[in-house]
Amino acid sequence: MNPSELERFEEFLTDFVRELNQVSDERGVVLVEGRRDAIALRSIGYKGEIVSIASLKQRERRGLLESANIVVILTDLDREGRQLAARYVKLLIHDGIKSSLEYRKRLLIASHGTFLHIENLSRFAHLNRELG
C-alpha cells in the first residue's frame, strides 16, 4: 500500500472498529480463528465479546452464541479463512443463529488484499487512541 492508501485504510479501520463496537452494544459477537486474532482486535479498539473458533466446542457454540443477536464472522481473508467462514455460516444457520460475513468482505475490499490475516491488524494498534 502506498502512503495515501494506507491512510485511507486507517480511516476505514477506525470506522470499522466503531461499527463493530456498536454491533457489540446490540448483543453482537465477533467470531475469529484464534487467540492472536482476538488480541489484534483488542489492540485496535474493539471492546465487545470475541469468540475464538480454536476454543469453541459445539456444546459451547450453542450456549455461548445463542445469547448473541448476531455473530460477525471475521476469519482470515485467505483461502482457509473463506472455508472456515463458509463452514461456520452453515453451522450457525443449523443452530438457528444469525451470522454476518459483511464485515469480513468489507475488510478484504478496504485492504486491497494486503492484510489477509486478522492478527496483522495489530500493526494499527495506534488507532486505538482515536477510539477512546
C-alpha atoms as a PDB file:
ATOM      1  CA  MET A   1       0.000   0.000   0.000  1.00  0.00           C
ATOM      2  CA  ASN A   2       1.259   3.444  -0.805  1.00  0.00           C
ATOM      3  CA  PRO A   3       1.011   6.161   1.890  1.00  0.00           C
ATOM      4  CA  SER A   4      -2.342   7.554   0.731  1.00  0.00           C
ATOM      5  CA  GLU A   5      -3.876   4.050   0.508  1.00  0.00           C
ATOM      6  CA  LEU A   6      -2.541   3.301   3.969  1.00  0.00           C
ATOM      7  CA  GLU A   7      -4.085   6.494   5.328  1.00  0.00           C
ATOM      8  CA  ARG A   8      -7.450   5.612   3.754  1.00  0.00           C
ATOM      9  CA  PHE A   9      -7.218   2.105   5.206  1.00  0.00           C
ATOM     10  CA  GLU A  10      -6.505   3.521   8.675  1.00  0.00           C
ATOM     11  CA  GLU A  11      -9.561   5.776   8.373  1.00  0.00           C
ATOM     12  CA  PHE A  12     -11.624   2.795   7.241  1.00  0.00           C
ATOM     13  CA  LEU A  13     -10.313   0.707  10.129  1.00  0.00           C
ATOM     14  CA  THR A  14     -11.195   3.371  12.701  1.00  0.00           C
ATOM     15  CA  ASP A  15     -14.790   3.486  11.417  1.00  0.00           C
ATOM     16  CA  PHE A  16     -14.848  -0.311  11.083  1.00  0.00           C
ATOM     17  CA  VAL A  17     -13.984  -0.819  14.758  1.00  0.00           C
ATOM     18  CA  ARG A  18     -16.518   1.809  15.827  1.00  0.00           C
ATOM     19  CA  GLU A  19     -19.181  -0.080  13.900  1.00  0.00           C
ATOM     20  CA  LEU A  20     -18.120  -3.412  15.405  1.00  0.00           C
ATOM     21  CA  ASN A  21     -18.363  -1.852  18.863  1.00  0.00           C
ATOM     22  CA  GLN A  22     -21.883  -0.668  18.031  1.00  0.00           C
ATOM     23  CA  VAL A  23     -22.824  -4.179  16.898  1.00  0.00           C
ATOM     24  CA  SER A  24     -21.426  -5.452  20.189  1.00  0.00           C
ATOM     25  CA  ASP A  25     -23.564  -2.952  22.104  1.00  0.00           C
ATOM     26  CA  GLU A  26     -26.556  -4.590  20.399  1.00  0.00           C
ATOM     27  CA  ARG A  27     -25.525  -8.085  21.616  1.00  0.00           C
ATOM     28  CA  GLY A  28     -23.270  -8.873  18.668  1.00  0.00           C
ATOM     29  CA  VAL A  29     -20.334 -11.251  18.995  1.00  0.00           C
ATOM     30  CA  VAL A  30     -17.259 -11.435  16.773  1.00  0.00           C
ATOM     31  CA  LEU A  31     -16.033 -14.900  15.794  1.00  0.00           C
ATOM     32  CA  VAL A  32     -12.312 -15.149  14.962  1.00  0.00           C
ATOM     33  CA  GLU A  33      -9.974 -18.061  14.281  1.00  0.00           C
ATOM     34  CA  GLY A  34      -7.646 -17.844  17.238  1.00  0.00           C
ATOM     35  CA  ARG A  35      -6.202 -16.022  20.218  1.00  0.00           C
ATOM     36  CA  ARG A  36      -3.851 -13.789  18.205  1.00  0.00           C
ATOM     37  CA  ASP A  37      -6.786 -12.552  16.131  1.00  0.00           C
ATOM     38  CA  ALA A  38      -8.665 -11.655  19.315  1.00  0.00           C
ATOM     39  CA  ILE A  39      -5.595  -9.843  20.648  1.00  0.00           C
ATOM     40  CA  ALA A  40      -5.281  -7.879  17.389  1.00  0.00           C
ATOM     41  CA  LEU A  41      -8.930  -6.785  17.541  1.00  0.00           C
ATOM     42  CA  ARG A  42      -8.467  -5.638  21.124  1.00  0.00           C
ATOM     43  CA  SER A  43      -5.314  -3.740  20.143  1.00  0.00           C
ATOM     44  CA  ILE A  44      -7.210  -1.684  17.559  1.00  0.00           C
ATOM     45  CA  GLY A  45     -10.015  -0.817  19.964  1.00  0.00           C
ATOM     46  CA  TYR A  46     -12.683  -3.498  19.739  1.00  0.00           C
ATOM     47  CA  LYS A  47     -14.311  -3.763  23.153  1.00  0.00           C
ATOM     48  CA  GLY A  48     -17.038  -6.358  22.602  1.00  0.00           C
ATOM     49  CA  GLU A  49     -17.261 -10.086  23.027  1.00  0.00           C
ATOM     50  CA  ILE A  50     -14.900 -12.195  20.935  1.00  0.00           C
ATOM     51  CA  VAL A  51     -15.236 -15.936  20.477  1.00  0.00           C
ATOM     52  CA  SER A  52     -12.377 -17.966  19.059  1.00  0.00           C
ATOM     53  CA  ILE A  53     -13.050 -20.939  16.774  1.00  0.00           C
ATOM     54  CA  ALA A  54      -9.975 -22.577  18.289  1.00  0.00           C
ATOM     55  CA  SER A  55     -11.612 -22.623  21.715  1.00  0.00           C
ATOM     56  CA  LEU A  56     -15.216 -23.208  20.697  1.00  0.00           C
ATOM     57  CA  LYS A  57     -16.831 -26.610  21.018  1.00  0.00           C
ATOM     58  CA  GLN A  58     -20.263 -27.492  19.607  1.00  0.00           C
ATOM     59  CA  ARG A  59     -21.918 -27.599  23.003  1.00  0.00           C
ATOM     60  CA  GLU A  60     -20.417 -24.236  23.898  1.00  0.00           C
ATOM     61  CA  ARG A  61     -21.273 -22.811  20.481  1.00  0.00           C
ATOM     62  CA  ARG A  62     -24.970 -23.085  21.156  1.00  0.00           C
ATOM     63  CA  GLY A  63     -24.816 -21.818  24.723  1.00  0.00           C
ATOM     64  CA  LEU A  64     -22.381 -19.003  24.140  1.00  0.00           C
ATOM     65  CA  LEU A  65     -23.676 -17.736  20.840  1.00  0.00           C
ATOM     66  CA  GLU A  66     -27.412 -18.179  21.371  1.00  0.00           C
ATOM     67  CA  SER A  67     -27.469 -15.089  23.546  1.00  0.00           C
ATOM     68  CA  ALA A  68     -25.988 -13.115  20.654  1.00  0.00           C
ATOM     69  CA  ASN A  69     -28.217 -11.056  18.402  1.00  0.00           C
ATOM     70  CA  ILE A  70     -25.744 -11.663  15.565  1.00  0.00           C
ATOM     71  CA  VAL A  71     -22.365 -13.339  15.101  1.00  0.00           C
ATOM     72  CA  VAL A  72     -19.937 -11.375  12.950  1.00  0.00           C
ATOM     73  CA  ILE A  73     -17.632 -13.889  11.300  1.00  0.00           C
ATOM     74  CA  LEU A  74     -14.178 -12.362  10.994  1.00  0.00           C
ATOM     75  CA  THR A  75     -11.955 -15.205   9.887  1.00  0.00           C
ATOM     76  CA  ASP A  76      -8.757 -14.577   7.942  1.00  0.00           C
ATOM     77  CA  LEU A  77      -9.157 -13.294   4.405  1.00  0.00           C
ATOM     78  CA  ASP A  78      -7.193 -16.120   2.797  1.00  0.00           C
ATOM     79  CA  ARG A  79      -8.495 -19.379   1.294  1.00  0.00           C
ATOM     80  CA  GLU A  80      -8.546 -21.221   4.611  1.00  0.00           C
ATOM     81  CA  GLY A  81     -10.388 -18.323   6.237  1.00  0.00           C
ATOM     82  CA  ARG A  82     -13.003 -18.364   3.460  1.00  0.00           C
ATOM     83  CA  GLN A  83     -13.530 -22.075   4.016  1.00  0.00           C
ATOM     84  CA  LEU A  84     -13.873 -21.618   7.779  1.00  0.00           C
ATOM     85  CA  ALA A  85     -16.297 -18.730   7.286  1.00  0.00           C
ATOM     86  CA  ALA A  86     -18.479 -20.814   4.970  1.00  0.00           C
ATOM     87  CA  ARG A  87     -18.410 -23.719   7.415  1.00  0.00           C
ATOM     88  CA  TYR A  88     -19.417 -21.555  10.364  1.00  0.00           C
ATOM     89  CA  VAL A  89     -22.197 -19.808   8.461  1.00  0.00           C
ATOM     90  CA  LYS A  90     -23.703 -23.259   7.836  1.00  0.00           C
ATOM     91  CA  LEU A  91     -23.199 -24.377  11.444  1.00  0.00           C
ATOM     92  CA  LEU A  92     -24.725 -21.207  12.823  1.00  0.00           C
ATOM     93  CA  ILE A  93     -27.704 -21.408  10.453  1.00  0.00           C
ATOM     94  CA  HIS A  94     -28.182 -25.002  11.587  1.00  0.00           C
ATOM     95  CA  ASP A  95     -28.178 -23.763  15.196  1.00  0.00           C
ATOM     96  CA  GLY A  96     -30.662 -21.015  14.311  1.00  0.00           C
ATOM     97  CA  ILE A  97     -28.126 -18.242  14.975  1.00  0.00           C
ATOM     98  CA  LYS A  98     -27.910 -15.189  12.704  1.00  0.00           C
ATOM     99  CA  SER A  99     -24.454 -14.511  11.274  1.00  0.00           C
ATOM    100  CA  SER A 100     -22.825 -11.928   9.034  1.00  0.00           C
ATOM    101  CA  LEU A 101     -19.928 -12.008   6.589  1.00  0.00           C
ATOM    102  CA  GLU A 102     -20.379  -8.330   5.696  1.00  0.00           C
ATOM    103  CA  TYR A 103     -17.515  -7.044   7.862  1.00  0.00           C
ATOM    104  CA  ARG A 104     -15.133  -9.691   6.583  1.00  0.00           C
ATOM    105  CA  LYS A 105     -15.932  -8.719   2.988  1.00  0.00           C
ATOM    106  CA  ARG A 106     -15.566  -5.010   3.705  1.00  0.00           C
ATOM    107  CA  LEU A 107     -12.185  -5.577   5.339  1.00  0.00           C
ATOM    108  CA  LEU A 108     -10.960  -7.540   2.305  1.00  0.00           C
ATOM    109  CA  ILE A 109     -12.064  -4.803  -0.092  1.00  0.00           C
ATOM    110  CA  ALA A 110     -10.604  -1.981   2.008  1.00  0.00           C
ATOM    111  CA  SER A 111      -7.239  -3.694   2.438  1.00  0.00           C
ATOM    112  CA  HIS A 112      -6.955  -4.494  -1.289  1.00  0.00           C
ATOM    113  CA  GLY A 113      -5.851  -7.971  -0.250  1.00  0.00           C
ATOM    114  CA  THR A 114      -2.793  -6.578   1.564  1.00  0.00           C
ATOM    115  CA  PHE A 115      -3.854  -7.779   5.007  1.00  0.00           C
ATOM    116  CA  LEU A 116      -5.029 -11.369   4.779  1.00  0.00           C
ATOM    117  CA  HIS A 117      -4.690 -12.263   8.458  1.00  0.00           C
ATOM    118  CA  ILE A 118      -6.730 -10.640  11.200  1.00  0.00           C
ATOM    119  CA  GLU A 119      -3.781 -10.883  13.591  1.00  0.00           C
ATOM    120  CA  ASN A 120      -1.850  -8.456  11.338  1.00  0.00           C
ATOM    121  CA  LEU A 121      -4.316  -5.700  12.201  1.00  0.00           C
ATOM    122  CA  SER A 122      -2.353  -5.283  15.434  1.00  0.00           C
ATOM    123  CA  ARG A 123       0.031  -3.173  13.321  1.00  0.00           C
ATOM    124  CA  PHE A 124      -2.634  -0.491  13.622  1.00  0.00           C
ATOM    125  CA  ALA A 125      -2.803  -0.506  17.432  1.00  0.00           C
ATOM    126  CA  HIS A 126      -2.095   3.244  17.426  1.00  0.00           C
ATOM    127  CA  LEU A 127      -5.652   3.733  16.101  1.00  0.00           C
ATOM    128  CA  ASN A 128      -6.962   2.604  19.480  1.00  0.00           C
ATOM    129  CA  ARG A 129      -6.215   6.101  20.842  1.00  0.00           C
ATOM    130  CA  GLU A 130      -8.623   7.617  18.310  1.00  0.00           C
ATOM    131  CA  LEU A 131     -11.454   5.389  19.513  1.00  0.00           C
ATOM    132  CA  GLY A 132     -11.037   6.242  23.201  1.00  0.00           C
END
